[in-house]
Every structure is written in structure tokens, then in C-alpha cells.
Amino acid sequence: MPQPETAFAPRTNPYHFEIIAFWDDRAETALNLGWCDGFFGATVPFSSGEVYVNSLDEGEGHRVREAYGPNWERLRQIKRCWDPTNFFRCNQNIPPAE
């Protein structure tokens, strides 16, 4: 399916890689986030730089634009038309165009 026909752009990569980590002890949070962030950083040179929007987690809102790639501005125009006050702004939000 051509890129402009859907909202999210990543359609050509043959693989999707996602790091999922869980732990029970809050005292281990810094340790676990450290290795997880380090592992992610080590994979960056092998990445296309694209991300699937449903793989984004809390605190990764800065990557939303990457998920929509070249469709970002078109989606902002649509949002301006249908949700100009940004009422539907939870999760990984696309803000309306100004």
C-alpha cells in the first residue's frame, strides 16, 4: 500500500525491533532503564530511524513525528479541520496545524 494511503509511514522495512523490559522491584528502575537505554542506543546505527506509533511508550512523545514521517503535515492539516481545539490529545498526539 502506498505511503500516503494510511496514517503511518513505515511500510518498507522488513523487520520491526522492539525492546520490552519489565521488573518488579522499584529499586531496580535506574539499573533496568540504564541497560534498556544502552541497548536501544547500540541498535541506532542499524535503524532506519522510523518507528511504529504503537511501539512508542510513555515519555517518547518526541518521536511521534518519526512515526508518521512524510505524512505528518498532511495529518496535522486533517487534525486542524476535524479537531482544531485538539480535544483528542491523549496518547501519541498529532497537534493540529496552526
C-alpha atoms as a PDB file:
ATOM      1  CA  MET A   1       0.000   0.000   0.000  1.00  0.00           C
ATOM      2  CA  PRO A   2       1.468   3.404  -0.936  1.00  0.00           C
ATOM      3  CA  GLN A   3       2.687   5.566   1.935  1.00  0.00           C
ATOM      4  CA  PRO A   4       0.110   8.401   1.662  1.00  0.00           C
ATOM      5  CA  GLU A   5      -2.840   5.996   1.800  1.00  0.00           C
ATOM      6  CA  THR A   6      -2.503   5.340   5.523  1.00  0.00           C
ATOM      7  CA  ALA A   7      -1.554   7.472   8.506  1.00  0.00           C
ATOM      8  CA  PHE A   8       1.714   5.832   9.481  1.00  0.00           C
ATOM      9  CA  ALA A   9       4.628   5.901   7.113  1.00  0.00           C
ATOM     10  CA  PRO A  10       6.922   2.910   7.871  1.00  0.00           C
ATOM     11  CA  ARG A  11       5.904   0.386   5.249  1.00  0.00           C
ATOM     12  CA  THR A  12       9.102  -0.701   3.541  1.00  0.00           C
ATOM     13  CA  ASN A  13      11.251  -2.118   6.340  1.00  0.00           C
ATOM     14  CA  PRO A  14      11.269  -5.910   6.501  1.00  0.00           C
ATOM     15  CA  TYR A  15      11.779  -6.011  10.296  1.00  0.00           C
ATOM     16  CA  HIS A  16      10.364  -4.415  13.410  1.00  0.00           C
ATOM     17  CA  PHE A  17      12.540  -4.453  16.528  1.00  0.00           C
ATOM     18  CA  GLU A  18      11.128  -3.554  19.922  1.00  0.00           C
ATOM     19  CA  ILE A  19      12.758  -3.704  23.351  1.00  0.00           C
ATOM     20  CA  ILE A  20      10.329  -4.643  26.127  1.00  0.00           C
ATOM     21  CA  ALA A  21      11.535  -4.778  29.716  1.00  0.00           C
ATOM     22  CA  PHE A  22       9.674  -5.430  32.968  1.00  0.00           C
ATOM     23  CA  TRP A  23      10.790  -5.625  36.593  1.00  0.00           C
ATOM     24  CA  ASP A  24       9.076  -5.876  39.946  1.00  0.00           C
ATOM     25  CA  ASP A  25      11.377  -4.007  42.305  1.00  0.00           C
ATOM     26  CA  ARG A  26      11.185  -0.192  42.003  1.00  0.00           C
ATOM     27  CA  ALA A  27      14.678  -0.006  43.454  1.00  0.00           C
ATOM     28  CA  GLU A  28      15.919  -1.582  40.193  1.00  0.00           C
ATOM     29  CA  THR A  29      14.347   1.065  37.942  1.00  0.00           C
ATOM     30  CA  ALA A  30      17.502   3.085  37.253  1.00  0.00           C
ATOM     31  CA  LEU A  31      19.511  -0.076  36.607  1.00  0.00           C
ATOM     32  CA  ASN A  32      16.943  -1.512  34.205  1.00  0.00           C
ATOM     33  CA  LEU A  33      16.326   1.743  32.364  1.00  0.00           C
ATOM     34  CA  GLY A  34      20.086   2.089  32.030  1.00  0.00           C
ATOM     35  CA  TRP A  35      20.630  -1.229  30.257  1.00  0.00           C
ATOM     36  CA  CYS A  36      17.465  -0.785  28.198  1.00  0.00           C
ATOM     37  CA  ASP A  37      18.506   2.700  27.012  1.00  0.00           C
ATOM     38  CA  GLY A  38      22.031   1.438  26.372  1.00  0.00           C
ATOM     39  CA  PHE A  39      20.752  -1.482  24.312  1.00  0.00           C
ATOM     40  CA  PHE A  40      18.494   0.832  22.315  1.00  0.00           C
ATOM     41  CA  GLY A  41      21.414   3.205  21.708  1.00  0.00           C
ATOM     42  CA  ALA A  42      23.551   0.322  20.452  1.00  0.00           C
ATOM     43  CA  THR A  43      20.911  -0.537  17.807  1.00  0.00           C
ATOM     44  CA  VAL A  44      20.566   3.017  16.448  1.00  0.00           C
ATOM     45  CA  PRO A  45      23.325   2.641  13.818  1.00  0.00           C
ATOM     46  CA  PHE A  46      21.361  -0.270  12.318  1.00  0.00           C
ATOM     47  CA  SER A  47      17.998   1.506  12.357  1.00  0.00           C
ATOM     48  CA  SER A  48      16.125   3.240   9.566  1.00  0.00           C
ATOM     49  CA  GLY A  49      15.168   5.894  12.115  1.00  0.00           C
ATOM     50  CA  GLU A  50      11.496   5.094  11.692  1.00  0.00           C
ATOM     51  CA  VAL A  51       9.223   3.984  14.500  1.00  0.00           C
ATOM     52  CA  TYR A  52       5.786   2.388  14.602  1.00  0.00           C
ATOM     53  CA  VAL A  53       3.467   4.637  16.627  1.00  0.00           C
ATOM     54  CA  ASN A  54       2.056   1.758  18.703  1.00  0.00           C
ATOM     55  CA  SER A  55       5.569   0.907  19.857  1.00  0.00           C
ATOM     56  CA  LEU A  56       6.069   4.305  21.469  1.00  0.00           C
ATOM     57  CA  ASP A  57       5.817   4.345  25.225  1.00  0.00           C
ATOM     58  CA  GLU A  58       5.286   6.957  27.888  1.00  0.00           C
ATOM     59  CA  GLY A  59       7.962   9.602  27.595  1.00  0.00           C
ATOM     60  CA  GLU A  60       8.545   9.060  23.873  1.00  0.00           C
ATOM     61  CA  GLY A  61       6.171  11.744  22.624  1.00  0.00           C
ATOM     62  CA  HIS A  62       9.117  13.479  20.971  1.00  0.00           C
ATOM     63  CA  ARG A  63       9.248  10.565  18.494  1.00  0.00           C
ATOM     64  CA  VAL A  64       5.624  10.816  17.277  1.00  0.00           C
ATOM     65  CA  ARG A  65       6.647  12.783  14.192  1.00  0.00           C
ATOM     66  CA  GLU A  66       9.051   9.950  13.240  1.00  0.00           C
ATOM     67  CA  ALA A  67       6.134   7.507  13.270  1.00  0.00           C
ATOM     68  CA  TYR A  68       4.209   9.454  10.660  1.00  0.00           C
ATOM     69  CA  GLY A  69       7.180  10.547   8.550  1.00  0.00           C
ATOM     70  CA  PRO A  70       6.232  12.372   5.367  1.00  0.00           C
ATOM     71  CA  ASN A  71       2.524  12.090   6.284  1.00  0.00           C
ATOM     72  CA  TRP A  72       2.988  14.331   9.365  1.00  0.00           C
ATOM     73  CA  GLU A  73       1.989  17.667   7.816  1.00  0.00           C
ATOM     74  CA  ARG A  74      -0.992  16.164   5.962  1.00  0.00           C
ATOM     75  CA  LEU A  75      -2.229  14.649   9.232  1.00  0.00           C
ATOM     76  CA  ARG A  76      -1.806  17.982  11.026  1.00  0.00           C
ATOM     77  CA  GLN A  77      -3.982  19.623   8.352  1.00  0.00           C
ATOM     78  CA  ILE A  78      -6.639  16.933   8.817  1.00  0.00           C
ATOM     79  CA  LYS A  79      -6.474  17.409  12.580  1.00  0.00           C
ATOM     80  CA  ARG A  80      -6.946  21.177  12.134  1.00  0.00           C
ATOM     81  CA  CYS A  81     -10.096  20.500  10.127  1.00  0.00           C
ATOM     82  CA  TRP A  82     -11.658  17.835  12.375  1.00  0.00           C
ATOM     83  CA  ASP A  83     -10.224  18.629  15.829  1.00  0.00           C
ATOM     84  CA  PRO A  84      -8.958  22.225  15.818  1.00  0.00           C
ATOM     85  CA  THR A  85      -9.031  22.515  19.627  1.00  0.00           C
ATOM     86  CA  ASN A  86      -7.004  19.292  19.989  1.00  0.00           C
ATOM     87  CA  PHE A  87      -9.707  17.756  22.174  1.00  0.00           C
ATOM     88  CA  PHE A  88      -8.495  14.250  21.259  1.00  0.00           C
ATOM     89  CA  ARG A  89      -4.942  14.681  22.527  1.00  0.00           C
ATOM     90  CA  CYS A  90      -4.218  11.643  24.639  1.00  0.00           C
ATOM     91  CA  ASN A  91      -1.583   9.030  23.860  1.00  0.00           C
ATOM     92  CA  GLN A  92       0.749   9.869  20.972  1.00  0.00           C
ATOM     93  CA  ASN A  93      -0.848  13.094  19.790  1.00  0.00           C
ATOM     94  CA  ILE A  94      -0.681  14.816  16.430  1.00  0.00           C
ATOM     95  CA  PRO A  95      -1.283  18.518  17.126  1.00  0.00           C
ATOM     96  CA  PRO A  96      -3.442  20.429  14.643  1.00  0.00           C
ATOM     97  CA  ALA A  97      -1.718  22.713  12.165  1.00  0.00           C
ATOM     98  CA  GLU A  98      -1.849  26.376  13.066  1.00  0.00           C
END
